């Protein structure tokens, strides 16, 4: 068996080093997403992408076996990093096994990312952090394909990767959590209520693994981003032992509350009923004047002839002017 050319070895080491760097970047990104999830209870999206991130957060299949997808991704990226470094530093059979395992895992991550991209397209929600993670996974898959093509082992690695990706898809679909419920109200009204709760000083205490907290957010739909949510996985305020717990006007209520009940408790008013606009925004309504008839206009301009000659004088003296104004007023 002839030894491999030196140039081929250097190229392979370069691919493995690149793969380790990409996997390490993916592990760092998903670790930040997991920490943000644990701290705030949602993905750290901003601006217009917040709606897409919240829609994905509330969708089914985002928590296989009760663990967020970001945590699964972090575990996959960490394993890919270790396998790439092992294939780069080890020698002999251990290096070949590490390289084969890395290829299968990288192809599985790329295929699963394609599945997640299809899910996001179906929901019409594109999370920027999810797209970045998908780019990392697809890059690892491309590196694995290039590395496999040189060893003619693409078929075996592809079969192993497809099997692993299929298992993850099945886990996501079958054990990805409960089916989300529809929002309980009109989107604009729910958003107004959520902002009113935040402005009034109310607090919504919960933890990311609580099904009741998730159901409470689902009642508001994407307006859940405006709720005064406080993630308590790292520590809860004194007296808060169950979730979800609402604190409104100094009183605490435990359990999932309907948006209509929250509206009444916070002084927002019942949902579905028109509420008076603020005084500064009320329009002044001026009664529309009656349409003057031809007879009334003529009577206002031309005085009626007096019934007796002595009350009318065409000479234009002061008395006549007074009587003329009198007749115009009476008309």
C-alpha atoms as a PDB file:
ATOM      1  CA  UNK A   1       0.000   0.000   0.000  1.00  0.00           C
ATOM      2  CA  UNK A   2       1.566   3.240  -1.131  1.00  0.00           C
ATOM      3  CA  UNK A   3       1.622   6.170   1.287  1.00  0.00           C
ATOM      4  CA  UNK A   4      -0.658   9.130   0.624  1.00  0.00           C
ATOM      5  CA  UNK A   5       0.925  12.142  -1.028  1.00  0.00           C
ATOM      6  CA  UNK A   6       2.083  14.911   1.270  1.00  0.00           C
ATOM      7  CA  UNK A   7      -0.102  17.473  -0.496  1.00  0.00           C
ATOM      8  CA  UNK A   8      -3.214  15.340   0.076  1.00  0.00           C
ATOM      9  CA  UNK A   9      -2.423  15.082   3.786  1.00  0.00           C
ATOM     10  CA  UNK A  10      -1.976  18.820   4.142  1.00  0.00           C
ATOM     11  CA  UNK A  11      -5.248  19.452   2.275  1.00  0.00           C
ATOM     12  CA  UNK A  12      -7.100  16.992   4.499  1.00  0.00           C
ATOM     13  CA  UNK A  13      -5.693  18.591   7.623  1.00  0.00           C
ATOM     14  CA  UNK A  14      -6.786  21.965   6.298  1.00  0.00           C
ATOM     15  CA  UNK A  15     -10.353  20.691   5.777  1.00  0.00           C
ATOM     16  CA  UNK A  16     -10.478  19.235   9.280  1.00  0.00           C
ATOM     17  CA  UNK A  17      -9.154  22.466  10.784  1.00  0.00           C
ATOM     18  CA  UNK A  18     -11.794  24.433   8.864  1.00  0.00           C
ATOM     19  CA  UNK A  19     -14.490  22.010  10.016  1.00  0.00           C
ATOM     20  CA  UNK A  20     -13.372  22.361  13.643  1.00  0.00           C
ATOM     21  CA  UNK A  21     -13.545  26.156  13.354  1.00  0.00           C
ATOM     22  CA  UNK A  22     -17.032  26.126  11.813  1.00  0.00           C
ATOM     23  CA  UNK A  23     -18.301  23.642  14.402  1.00  0.00           C
ATOM     24  CA  UNK A  24     -16.808  25.707  17.221  1.00  0.00           C
ATOM     25  CA  UNK A  25     -18.557  28.821  15.907  1.00  0.00           C
ATOM     26  CA  UNK A  26     -21.847  26.914  15.765  1.00  0.00           C
ATOM     27  CA  UNK A  27     -21.342  25.657  19.316  1.00  0.00           C
ATOM     28  CA  UNK A  28     -20.740  29.203  20.553  1.00  0.00           C
ATOM     29  CA  UNK A  29     -23.832  30.547  18.787  1.00  0.00           C
ATOM     30  CA  UNK A  30     -26.145  27.815  20.057  1.00  0.00           C
ATOM     31  CA  UNK A  31     -24.713  28.139  23.579  1.00  0.00           C
ATOM     32  CA  UNK A  32     -25.631  31.825  23.542  1.00  0.00           C
ATOM     33  CA  UNK A  33     -29.126  30.955  22.290  1.00  0.00           C
ATOM     34  CA  UNK A  34     -29.576  28.419  25.089  1.00  0.00           C
ATOM     35  CA  UNK A  35     -28.442  30.898  27.738  1.00  0.00           C
ATOM     36  CA  UNK A  36     -30.766  33.539  26.339  1.00  0.00           C
ATOM     37  CA  UNK A  37     -33.609  31.040  26.313  1.00  0.00           C
ATOM     38  CA  UNK A  38     -32.962  30.138  29.947  1.00  0.00           C
ATOM     39  CA  UNK A  39     -32.721  33.785  30.958  1.00  0.00           C
ATOM     40  CA  UNK A  40     -35.567  35.372  28.984  1.00  0.00           C
ATOM     41  CA  UNK A  41     -37.718  32.436  27.893  1.00  0.00           C
ATOM     42  CA  UNK A  42     -37.436  33.236  24.172  1.00  0.00           C
ATOM     43  CA  UNK A  43     -34.893  33.681  21.399  1.00  0.00           C
ATOM     44  CA  UNK A  44     -32.876  36.940  21.390  1.00  0.00           C
ATOM     45  CA  UNK A  45     -34.381  38.374  18.213  1.00  0.00           C
ATOM     46  CA  UNK A  46     -34.907  42.075  17.628  1.00  0.00           C
ATOM     47  CA  UNK A  47     -36.816  44.445  15.347  1.00  0.00           C
ATOM     48  CA  UNK A  48     -39.169  42.823  12.841  1.00  0.00           C
ATOM     49  CA  UNK A  49     -37.623  39.367  13.232  1.00  0.00           C
ATOM     50  CA  UNK A  50     -39.035  39.147  16.777  1.00  0.00           C
ATOM     51  CA  UNK A  51     -42.397  38.074  15.382  1.00  0.00           C
ATOM     52  CA  UNK A  52     -40.811  35.264  13.383  1.00  0.00           C
ATOM     53  CA  UNK A  53     -38.798  34.067  16.364  1.00  0.00           C
ATOM     54  CA  UNK A  54     -41.860  34.080  18.620  1.00  0.00           C
ATOM     55  CA  UNK A  55     -43.883  32.178  16.007  1.00  0.00           C
ATOM     56  CA  UNK A  56     -41.145  29.529  15.873  1.00  0.00           C
ATOM     57  CA  UNK A  57     -40.924  29.429  19.670  1.00  0.00           C
ATOM     58  CA  UNK A  58     -44.660  28.728  19.954  1.00  0.00           C
ATOM     59  CA  UNK A  59     -44.716  26.204  17.089  1.00  0.00           C
ATOM     60  CA  UNK A  60     -44.841  22.473  17.729  1.00  0.00           C
ATOM     61  CA  UNK A  61     -41.645  20.463  17.568  1.00  0.00           C
ATOM     62  CA  UNK A  62     -39.337  23.061  19.096  1.00  0.00           C
ATOM     63  CA  UNK A  63     -38.712  21.114  22.320  1.00  0.00           C
ATOM     64  CA  UNK A  64     -38.033  17.409  21.626  1.00  0.00           C
ATOM     65  CA  UNK A  65     -38.237  15.505  24.927  1.00  0.00           C
ATOM     66  CA  UNK A  66     -38.675  18.849  26.694  1.00  0.00           C
ATOM     67  CA  UNK A  67     -35.268  20.175  25.603  1.00  0.00           C
ATOM     68  CA  UNK A  68     -35.044  23.244  23.313  1.00  0.00           C
ATOM     69  CA  UNK A  69     -33.741  22.647  19.796  1.00  0.00           C
ATOM     70  CA  UNK A  70     -30.939  25.114  20.504  1.00  0.00           C
ATOM     71  CA  UNK A  71     -29.623  22.783  23.209  1.00  0.00           C
ATOM     72  CA  UNK A  72     -29.741  19.819  20.811  1.00  0.00           C
ATOM     73  CA  UNK A  73     -27.860  21.893  18.254  1.00  0.00           C
ATOM     74  CA  UNK A  74     -25.239  22.881  20.808  1.00  0.00           C
ATOM     75  CA  UNK A  75     -24.636  19.222  21.668  1.00  0.00           C
ATOM     76  CA  UNK A  76     -24.281  18.347  17.967  1.00  0.00           C
ATOM     77  CA  UNK A  77     -21.843  21.203  17.301  1.00  0.00           C
ATOM     78  CA  UNK A  78     -19.789  20.305  20.371  1.00  0.00           C
ATOM     79  CA  UNK A  79     -19.509  16.672  19.231  1.00  0.00           C
ATOM     80  CA  UNK A  80     -18.586  17.766  15.703  1.00  0.00           C
ATOM     81  CA  UNK A  81     -15.848  20.013  17.099  1.00  0.00           C
ATOM     82  CA  UNK A  82     -14.388  17.218  19.230  1.00  0.00           C
ATOM     83  CA  UNK A  83     -14.517  14.702  16.364  1.00  0.00           C
ATOM     84  CA  UNK A  84     -12.829  17.077  13.943  1.00  0.00           C
ATOM     85  CA  UNK A  85     -10.060  17.837  16.449  1.00  0.00           C
ATOM     86  CA  UNK A  86      -9.639  14.133  17.195  1.00  0.00           C
ATOM     87  CA  UNK A  87      -9.306  13.324  13.484  1.00  0.00           C
ATOM     88  CA  UNK A  88      -6.789  16.151  13.193  1.00  0.00           C
ATOM     89  CA  UNK A  89      -4.582  15.234  16.156  1.00  0.00           C
ATOM     90  CA  UNK A  90      -4.868  11.446  16.448  1.00  0.00           C
ATOM     91  CA  UNK A  91      -3.126   8.964  14.195  1.00  0.00           C
ATOM     92  CA  UNK A  92      -3.859   5.552  12.790  1.00  0.00           C
ATOM     93  CA  UNK A  93      -7.158   3.804  13.291  1.00  0.00           C
ATOM     94  CA  UNK A  94      -8.475   6.250  15.891  1.00  0.00           C
ATOM     95  CA  UNK A  95      -8.086   9.133  13.470  1.00  0.00           C
ATOM     96  CA  UNK A  96      -9.924   7.200  10.739  1.00  0.00           C
ATOM     97  CA  UNK A  97     -12.789   6.357  13.119  1.00  0.00           C
ATOM     98  CA  UNK A  98     -13.053   9.960  14.311  1.00  0.00           C
ATOM     99  CA  UNK A  99     -13.074  11.198  10.720  1.00  0.00           C
ATOM    100  CA  UNK A 100     -15.794   8.724   9.722  1.00  0.00           C
ATOM    101  CA  UNK A 101     -17.931   9.683  12.732  1.00  0.00           C
ATOM    102  CA  UNK A 102     -17.470  13.381  11.922  1.00  0.00           C
ATOM    103  CA  UNK A 103     -18.599  12.836   8.327  1.00  0.00           C
ATOM    104  CA  UNK A 104     -21.752  11.014   9.383  1.00  0.00           C
ATOM    105  CA  UNK A 105     -22.616  13.631  12.031  1.00  0.00           C
ATOM    106  CA  UNK A 106     -21.944  16.556   9.679  1.00  0.00           C
ATOM    107  CA  UNK A 107     -24.170  15.076   6.966  1.00  0.00           C
ATOM    108  CA  UNK A 108     -26.910  14.388   9.527  1.00  0.00           C
ATOM    109  CA  UNK A 109     -26.753  18.001  10.766  1.00  0.00           C
ATOM    110  CA  UNK A 110     -26.962  19.317   7.201  1.00  0.00           C
ATOM    111  CA  UNK A 111     -29.985  17.135   6.370  1.00  0.00           C
ATOM    112  CA  UNK A 112     -31.764  18.069   9.608  1.00  0.00           C
ATOM    113  CA  UNK A 113     -31.096  21.748   8.909  1.00  0.00           C
ATOM    114  CA  UNK A 114     -32.801  21.359   5.528  1.00  0.00           C
ATOM    115  CA  UNK A 115     -35.813  19.919   7.364  1.00  0.00           C
ATOM    116  CA  UNK A 116     -35.869  22.873   9.763  1.00  0.00           C
ATOM    117  CA  UNK A 117     -35.586  25.345   6.873  1.00  0.00           C
ATOM    118  CA  UNK A 118     -38.591  23.690   5.228  1.00  0.00           C
ATOM    119  CA  UNK A 119     -40.525  24.024   8.511  1.00  0.00           C
ATOM    120  CA  UNK A 120     -39.652  27.706   8.772  1.00  0.00           C
ATOM    121  CA  UNK A 121     -40.721  28.293   5.167  1.00  0.00           C
ATOM    122  CA  UNK A 122     -44.029  26.515   5.828  1.00  0.00           C
ATOM    123  CA  UNK A 123     -44.670  28.724   8.869  1.00  0.00           C
ATOM    124  CA  UNK A 124     -43.584  31.850   7.007  1.00  0.00           C
ATOM    125  CA  UNK A 125     -41.193  32.707   9.846  1.00  0.00           C
ATOM    126  CA  UNK A 126     -37.455  33.106   9.281  1.00  0.00           C
ATOM    127  CA  UNK A 127     -35.392  33.471  12.443  1.00  0.00           C
ATOM    128  CA  UNK A 128     -31.976  35.056  11.726  1.00  0.00           C
ATOM    129  CA  UNK A 129     -30.197  32.970  14.375  1.00  0.00           C
ATOM    130  CA  UNK A 130     -31.752  29.779  13.019  1.00  0.00           C
ATOM    131  CA  UNK A 131     -30.609  30.719   9.526  1.00  0.00           C
ATOM    132  CA  UNK A 132     -27.074  31.313  10.820  1.00  0.00           C
ATOM    133  CA  UNK A 133     -27.059  27.926  12.541  1.00  0.00           C
ATOM    134  CA  UNK A 134     -28.336  26.301   9.342  1.00  0.00           C
ATOM    135  CA  UNK A 135     -25.491  27.943   7.414  1.00  0.00           C
ATOM    136  CA  UNK A 136     -22.972  26.432   9.830  1.00  0.00           C
ATOM    137  CA  UNK A 137     -24.555  22.982   9.511  1.00  0.00           C
ATOM    138  CA  UNK A 138     -24.683  23.115   5.719  1.00  0.00           C
ATOM    139  CA  UNK A 139     -21.035  24.210   5.650  1.00  0.00           C
ATOM    140  CA  UNK A 140     -20.073  21.202   7.762  1.00  0.00           C
ATOM    141  CA  UNK A 141     -22.044  18.963   5.415  1.00  0.00           C
ATOM    142  CA  UNK A 142     -20.240  20.395   2.396  1.00  0.00           C
ATOM    143  CA  UNK A 143     -16.848  19.813   4.066  1.00  0.00           C
ATOM    144  CA  UNK A 144     -17.841  16.229   4.836  1.00  0.00           C
ATOM    145  CA  UNK A 145     -18.881  15.637   1.208  1.00  0.00           C
ATOM    146  CA  UNK A 146     -15.570  16.994  -0.103  1.00  0.00           C
ATOM    147  CA  UNK A 147     -13.595  14.913   2.405  1.00  0.00           C
ATOM    148  CA  UNK A 148     -15.624  11.787   1.643  1.00  0.00           C
ATOM    149  CA  UNK A 149     -15.228  12.141  -2.107  1.00  0.00           C
ATOM    150  CA  UNK A 150     -11.460  11.745  -1.723  1.00  0.00           C
ATOM    151  CA  UNK A 151     -11.778   8.484   0.214  1.00  0.00           C
ATOM    152  CA  UNK A 152     -14.689   7.050  -1.789  1.00  0.00           C
ATOM    153  CA  UNK A 153     -16.635   6.603   1.473  1.00  0.00           C
ATOM    154  CA  UNK A 154     -19.483   8.965   0.720  1.00  0.00           C
ATOM    155  CA  UNK A 155     -22.090   6.213   0.438  1.00  0.00           C
ATOM    156  CA  UNK A 156     -21.456   4.803   3.911  1.00  0.00           C
ATOM    157  CA  UNK A 157     -21.224   8.199   5.570  1.00  0.00           C
ATOM    158  CA  UNK A 158     -24.322   9.361   3.698  1.00  0.00           C
ATOM    159  CA  UNK A 159     -26.334   6.341   4.829  1.00  0.00           C
ATOM    160  CA  UNK A 160     -25.266   6.831   8.438  1.00  0.00           C
ATOM    161  CA  UNK A 161     -26.000  10.550   8.285  1.00  0.00           C
ATOM    162  CA  UNK A 162     -29.418  10.007   6.709  1.00  0.00           C
ATOM    163  CA  UNK A 163     -30.318   7.487   9.402  1.00  0.00           C
ATOM    164  CA  UNK A 164     -29.259   9.864  12.169  1.00  0.00           C
ATOM    165  CA  UNK A 165     -31.132  12.782  10.592  1.00  0.00           C
ATOM    166  CA  UNK A 166     -34.248  10.630  10.156  1.00  0.00           C
ATOM    167  CA  UNK A 167     -34.153   9.671  13.817  1.00  0.00           C
ATOM    168  CA  UNK A 168     -33.926  13.350  14.821  1.00  0.00           C
ATOM    169  CA  UNK A 169     -36.794  14.305  12.508  1.00  0.00           C
ATOM    170  CA  UNK A 170     -38.954  11.544  13.995  1.00  0.00           C
ATOM    171  CA  UNK A 171     -38.055  12.690  17.506  1.00  0.00           C
ATOM    172  CA  UNK A 172     -38.956  16.268  16.635  1.00  0.00           C
ATOM    173  CA  UNK A 173     -42.304  15.350  15.092  1.00  0.00           C
ATOM    174  CA  UNK A 174     -43.401  12.717  17.594  1.00  0.00           C
ATOM    175  CA  UNK A 175     -41.913  14.071  20.848  1.00  0.00           C
ATOM    176  CA  UNK A 176     -41.589  17.737  20.025  1.00  0.00           C
ATOM    177  CA  UNK A 177     -44.228  18.935  22.461  1.00  0.00           C
ATOM    178  CA  UNK A 178     -47.962  19.541  22.443  1.00  0.00           C
ATOM    179  CA  UNK A 179     -49.912  21.042  19.597  1.00  0.00           C
ATOM    180  CA  UNK A 180     -50.090  24.833  19.995  1.00  0.00           C
ATOM    181  CA  UNK A 181     -53.462  26.452  20.608  1.00  0.00           C
ATOM    182  CA  UNK A 182     -54.907  29.345  18.637  1.00  0.00           C
ATOM    183  CA  UNK A 183     -54.758  32.891  20.090  1.00  0.00           C
ATOM    184  CA  UNK A 184     -57.782  33.819  22.207  1.00  0.00           C
ATOM    185  CA  UNK A 185     -58.742  37.092  20.563  1.00  0.00           C
ATOM    186  CA  UNK A 186     -57.949  39.518  17.800  1.00  0.00           C
ATOM    187  CA  UNK A 187     -54.195  40.119  17.268  1.00  0.00           C
ATOM    188  CA  UNK A 188     -54.394  43.905  17.634  1.00  0.00           C
ATOM    189  CA  UNK A 189     -56.497  43.687  20.775  1.00  0.00           C
ATOM    190  CA  UNK A 190     -54.184  41.100  22.315  1.00  0.00           C
ATOM    191  CA  UNK A 191     -51.170  43.266  21.531  1.00  0.00           C
ATOM    192  CA  UNK A 192     -52.860  46.288  23.134  1.00  0.00           C
ATOM    193  CA  UNK A 193     -53.675  44.226  26.215  1.00  0.00           C
ATOM    194  CA  UNK A 194     -50.110  42.915  26.493  1.00  0.00           C
ATOM    195  CA  UNK A 195     -48.710  46.445  26.280  1.00  0.00           C
ATOM    196  CA  UNK A 196     -51.240  47.650  28.845  1.00  0.00           C
ATOM    197  CA  UNK A 197     -50.153  44.904  31.244  1.00  0.00           C
ATOM    198  CA  UNK A 198     -46.512  45.902  30.835  1.00  0.00           C
ATOM    199  CA  UNK A 199     -47.287  49.607  31.269  1.00  0.00           C
ATOM    200  CA  UNK A 200     -49.423  49.022  34.375  1.00  0.00           C
ATOM    201  CA  UNK A 201     -46.581  47.267  36.204  1.00  0.00           C
ATOM    202  CA  UNK A 202     -48.001  43.729  36.017  1.00  0.00           C
ATOM    203  CA  UNK A 203     -45.621  40.768  36.074  1.00  0.00           C
ATOM    204  CA  UNK A 204     -45.879  37.315  34.508  1.00  0.00           C
ATOM    205  CA  UNK A 205     -43.557  34.863  36.319  1.00  0.00           C
ATOM    206  CA  UNK A 206     -42.700  31.583  34.617  1.00  0.00           C
ATOM    207  CA  UNK A 207     -40.021  29.107  33.583  1.00  0.00           C
ATOM    208  CA  UNK A 208     -39.169  27.860  30.131  1.00  0.00           C
ATOM    209  CA  UNK A 209     -40.057  24.201  30.838  1.00  0.00           C
ATOM    210  CA  UNK A 210     -43.534  25.024  32.229  1.00  0.00           C
ATOM    211  CA  UNK A 211     -46.356  23.845  29.921  1.00  0.00           C
ATOM    212  CA  UNK A 212     -48.779  26.264  31.558  1.00  0.00           C
ATOM    213  CA  UNK A 213     -46.468  29.207  30.849  1.00  0.00           C
ATOM    214  CA  UNK A 214     -46.188  28.121  27.241  1.00  0.00           C
ATOM    215  CA  UNK A 215     -49.967  27.806  26.981  1.00  0.00           C
ATOM    216  CA  UNK A 216     -50.363  31.279  28.493  1.00  0.00           C
ATOM    217  CA  UNK A 217     -48.105  32.720  25.799  1.00  0.00           C
ATOM    218  CA  UNK A 218     -49.905  30.817  23.066  1.00  0.00           C
ATOM    219  CA  UNK A 219     -53.159  32.520  24.066  1.00  0.00           C
ATOM    220  CA  UNK A 220     -51.579  35.823  23.025  1.00  0.00           C
ATOM    221  CA  UNK A 221     -49.915  34.529  19.845  1.00  0.00           C
ATOM    222  CA  UNK A 222     -47.076  36.713  18.624  1.00  0.00           C
ATOM    223  CA  UNK A 223     -48.285  39.433  21.030  1.00  0.00           C
ATOM    224  CA  UNK A 224     -46.676  37.350  23.793  1.00  0.00           C
ATOM    225  CA  UNK A 225     -43.480  39.282  23.070  1.00  0.00           C
ATOM    226  CA  UNK A 226     -45.109  42.331  24.674  1.00  0.00           C
ATOM    227  CA  UNK A 227     -46.069  40.512  27.882  1.00  0.00           C
ATOM    228  CA  UNK A 228     -44.164  41.503  31.064  1.00  0.00           C
ATOM    229  CA  UNK A 229     -42.645  38.024  31.286  1.00  0.00           C
ATOM    230  CA  UNK A 230     -40.034  37.279  33.960  1.00  0.00           C
ATOM    231  CA  UNK A 231     -37.976  34.093  33.535  1.00  0.00           C
ATOM    232  CA  UNK A 232     -37.499  32.466  36.951  1.00  0.00           C
ATOM    233  CA  UNK A 233     -35.344  29.447  36.089  1.00  0.00           C
ATOM    234  CA  UNK A 234     -32.313  31.179  37.630  1.00  0.00           C
ATOM    235  CA  UNK A 235     -34.254  32.411  40.663  1.00  0.00           C
ATOM    236  CA  UNK A 236     -37.776  33.462  41.595  1.00  0.00           C
ATOM    237  CA  UNK A 237     -38.996  36.385  43.708  1.00  0.00           C
ATOM    238  CA  UNK A 238     -40.034  35.703  47.274  1.00  0.00           C
ATOM    239  CA  UNK A 239     -43.402  34.006  47.501  1.00  0.00           C
ATOM    240  CA  UNK A 240     -43.482  32.707  43.911  1.00  0.00           C
ATOM    241  CA  UNK A 241     -43.518  28.895  44.119  1.00  0.00           C
ATOM    242  CA  UNK A 242     -45.814  27.882  41.247  1.00  0.00           C
ATOM    243  CA  UNK A 243     -45.976  28.805  37.588  1.00  0.00           C
ATOM    244  CA  UNK A 244     -47.411  30.641  35.860  1.00  0.00           C
ATOM    245  CA  UNK A 245     -47.980  33.362  38.468  1.00  0.00           C
ATOM    246  CA  UNK A 246     -49.457  36.766  37.650  1.00  0.00           C
ATOM    247  CA  UNK A 247     -48.908  39.839  39.797  1.00  0.00           C
ATOM    248  CA  UNK A 248     -51.440  42.548  38.958  1.00  0.00           C
ATOM    249  CA  UNK A 249     -52.081  45.624  41.099  1.00  0.00           C
ATOM    250  CA  UNK A 250     -50.203  44.107  44.028  1.00  0.00           C
ATOM    251  CA  UNK A 251     -52.166  40.829  44.008  1.00  0.00           C
ATOM    252  CA  UNK A 252     -50.789  37.475  42.825  1.00  0.00           C
ATOM    253  CA  UNK A 253     -52.819  34.872  40.961  1.00  0.00           C
ATOM    254  CA  UNK A 254     -51.492  31.416  40.065  1.00  0.00           C
ATOM    255  CA  UNK A 255     -52.526  29.517  36.965  1.00  0.00           C
ATOM    256  CA  UNK A 256     -53.279  30.103  33.316  1.00  0.00           C
ATOM    257  CA  UNK A 257     -55.623  33.076  32.901  1.00  0.00           C
ATOM    258  CA  UNK A 258     -57.719  33.917  29.888  1.00  0.00           C
ATOM    259  CA  UNK A 259     -56.847  37.230  28.191  1.00  0.00           C
ATOM    260  CA  UNK A 260     -60.362  38.478  29.014  1.00  0.00           C
ATOM    261  CA  UNK A 261     -59.749  37.822  32.729  1.00  0.00           C
ATOM    262  CA  UNK A 262     -56.403  39.617  32.551  1.00  0.00           C
ATOM    263  CA  UNK A 263     -58.099  42.548  30.855  1.00  0.00           C
ATOM    264  CA  UNK A 264     -60.650  42.848  33.675  1.00  0.00           C
ATOM    265  CA  UNK A 265     -58.091  42.435  36.467  1.00  0.00           C
ATOM    266  CA  UNK A 266     -55.803  45.082  35.000  1.00  0.00           C
ATOM    267  CA  UNK A 267     -58.556  47.606  34.252  1.00  0.00           C
ATOM    268  CA  UNK A 268     -58.235  47.259  30.501  1.00  0.00           C
ATOM    269  CA  UNK A 269     -61.896  46.393  30.037  1.00  0.00           C
ATOM    270  CA  UNK A 270     -63.438  43.358  28.432  1.00  0.00           C
ATOM    271  CA  UNK A 271     -62.073  42.250  25.093  1.00  0.00           C
ATOM    272  CA  UNK A 272     -64.311  42.679  22.078  1.00  0.00           C
ATOM    273  CA  UNK A 273     -66.018  45.809  23.434  1.00  0.00           C
ATOM    274  CA  UNK A 274     -65.263  49.307  22.155  1.00  0.00           C
ATOM    275  CA  UNK A 275     -63.364  51.428  24.649  1.00  0.00           C
ATOM    276  CA  UNK A 276     -63.428  55.245  24.745  1.00  0.00           C
ATOM    277  CA  UNK A 277     -60.447  56.841  23.093  1.00  0.00           C
ATOM    278  CA  UNK A 278     -58.108  59.041  25.161  1.00  0.00           C
ATOM    279  CA  UNK A 279     -59.294  62.609  25.557  1.00  0.00           C
ATOM    280  CA  UNK A 280     -56.439  63.924  23.448  1.00  0.00           C
ATOM    281  CA  UNK A 281     -57.418  61.641  20.574  1.00  0.00           C
ATOM    282  CA  UNK A 282     -61.179  62.182  20.602  1.00  0.00           C
ATOM    283  CA  UNK A 283     -62.562  63.943  17.559  1.00  0.00           C
ATOM    284  CA  UNK A 284     -64.745  66.954  18.118  1.00  0.00           C
ATOM    285  CA  UNK A 285     -68.092  66.287  16.506  1.00  0.00           C
ATOM    286  CA  UNK A 286     -69.834  69.416  15.255  1.00  0.00           C
ATOM    287  CA  UNK A 287     -73.547  69.072  14.445  1.00  0.00           C
ATOM    288  CA  UNK A 288     -74.204  69.522  10.775  1.00  0.00           C
ATOM    289  CA  UNK A 289     -76.250  72.659  10.084  1.00  0.00           C
ATOM    290  CA  UNK A 290     -79.639  72.257   8.526  1.00  0.00           C
ATOM    291  CA  UNK A 291     -79.945  72.866   4.861  1.00  0.00           C
ATOM    292  CA  UNK A 292     -81.591  76.244   4.435  1.00  0.00           C
ATOM    293  CA  UNK A 293     -84.685  76.247   2.301  1.00  0.00           C
ATOM    294  CA  UNK A 294     -85.222  78.786  -0.469  1.00  0.00           C
ATOM    295  CA  UNK A 295     -88.066  80.375   1.416  1.00  0.00           C
ATOM    296  CA  UNK A 296     -85.993  80.852   4.588  1.00  0.00           C
ATOM    297  CA  UNK A 297     -83.097  82.392   2.650  1.00  0.00           C
ATOM    298  CA  UNK A 298     -85.420  84.768   0.839  1.00  0.00           C
ATOM    299  CA  UNK A 299     -87.089  85.779   4.076  1.00  0.00           C
ATOM    300  CA  UNK A 300     -83.731  86.509   5.670  1.00  0.00           C
ATOM    301  CA  UNK A 301     -82.650  88.760   2.816  1.00  0.00           C
ATOM    302  CA  UNK A 302     -85.863  90.510   1.762  1.00  0.00           C
ATOM    303  CA  UNK A 303     -88.117  91.788   4.567  1.00  0.00           C
ATOM    304  CA  UNK A 304     -91.799  91.051   4.349  1.00  0.00           C
ATOM    305  CA  UNK A 305     -94.110  93.913   3.509  1.00  0.00           C
ATOM    306  CA  UNK A 306     -95.748  95.510   6.547  1.00  0.00           C
ATOM    307  CA  UNK A 307     -99.415  94.943   7.129  1.00  0.00           C
ATOM    308  CA  UNK A 308    -100.108  98.714   7.553  1.00  0.00           C
ATOM    309  CA  UNK A 309     -98.652 101.690   5.593  1.00  0.00           C
ATOM    310  CA  UNK A 310     -97.653 103.643   8.692  1.00  0.00           C
ATOM    311  CA  UNK A 311     -95.052 101.006   9.683  1.00  0.00           C
ATOM    312  CA  UNK A 312     -93.116 101.305   6.467  1.00  0.00           C
ATOM    313  CA  UNK A 313     -91.359 104.346   4.997  1.00  0.00           C
ATOM    314  CA  UNK A 314     -89.213 104.145   1.814  1.00  0.00           C
ATOM    315  CA  UNK A 315     -87.332 107.351   2.613  1.00  0.00           C
ATOM    316  CA  UNK A 316     -84.658 105.581   4.684  1.00  0.00           C
ATOM    317  CA  UNK A 317     -84.919 107.467   7.997  1.00  0.00           C
ATOM    318  CA  UNK A 318     -83.691 106.028  11.259  1.00  0.00           C
ATOM    319  CA  UNK A 319     -87.089 104.723  12.280  1.00  0.00           C
ATOM    320  CA  UNK A 320     -87.411 102.881   9.034  1.00  0.00           C
ATOM    321  CA  UNK A 321     -83.979 101.276   9.537  1.00  0.00           C
ATOM    322  CA  UNK A 322     -85.036 100.096  12.966  1.00  0.00           C
ATOM    323  CA  UNK A 323     -88.272  98.624  11.670  1.00  0.00           C
ATOM    324  CA  UNK A 324     -86.400  97.039   8.782  1.00  0.00           C
ATOM    325  CA  UNK A 325     -83.984  95.256  11.109  1.00  0.00           C
ATOM    326  CA  UNK A 326     -86.972  94.157  13.165  1.00  0.00           C
ATOM    327  CA  UNK A 327     -88.634  92.659  10.145  1.00  0.00           C
ATOM    328  CA  UNK A 328     -85.423  90.874   9.144  1.00  0.00           C
ATOM    329  CA  UNK A 329     -85.072  89.370  12.589  1.00  0.00           C
ATOM    330  CA  UNK A 330     -88.675  88.178  12.526  1.00  0.00           C
ATOM    331  CA  UNK A 331     -88.175  86.600   9.142  1.00  0.00           C
END
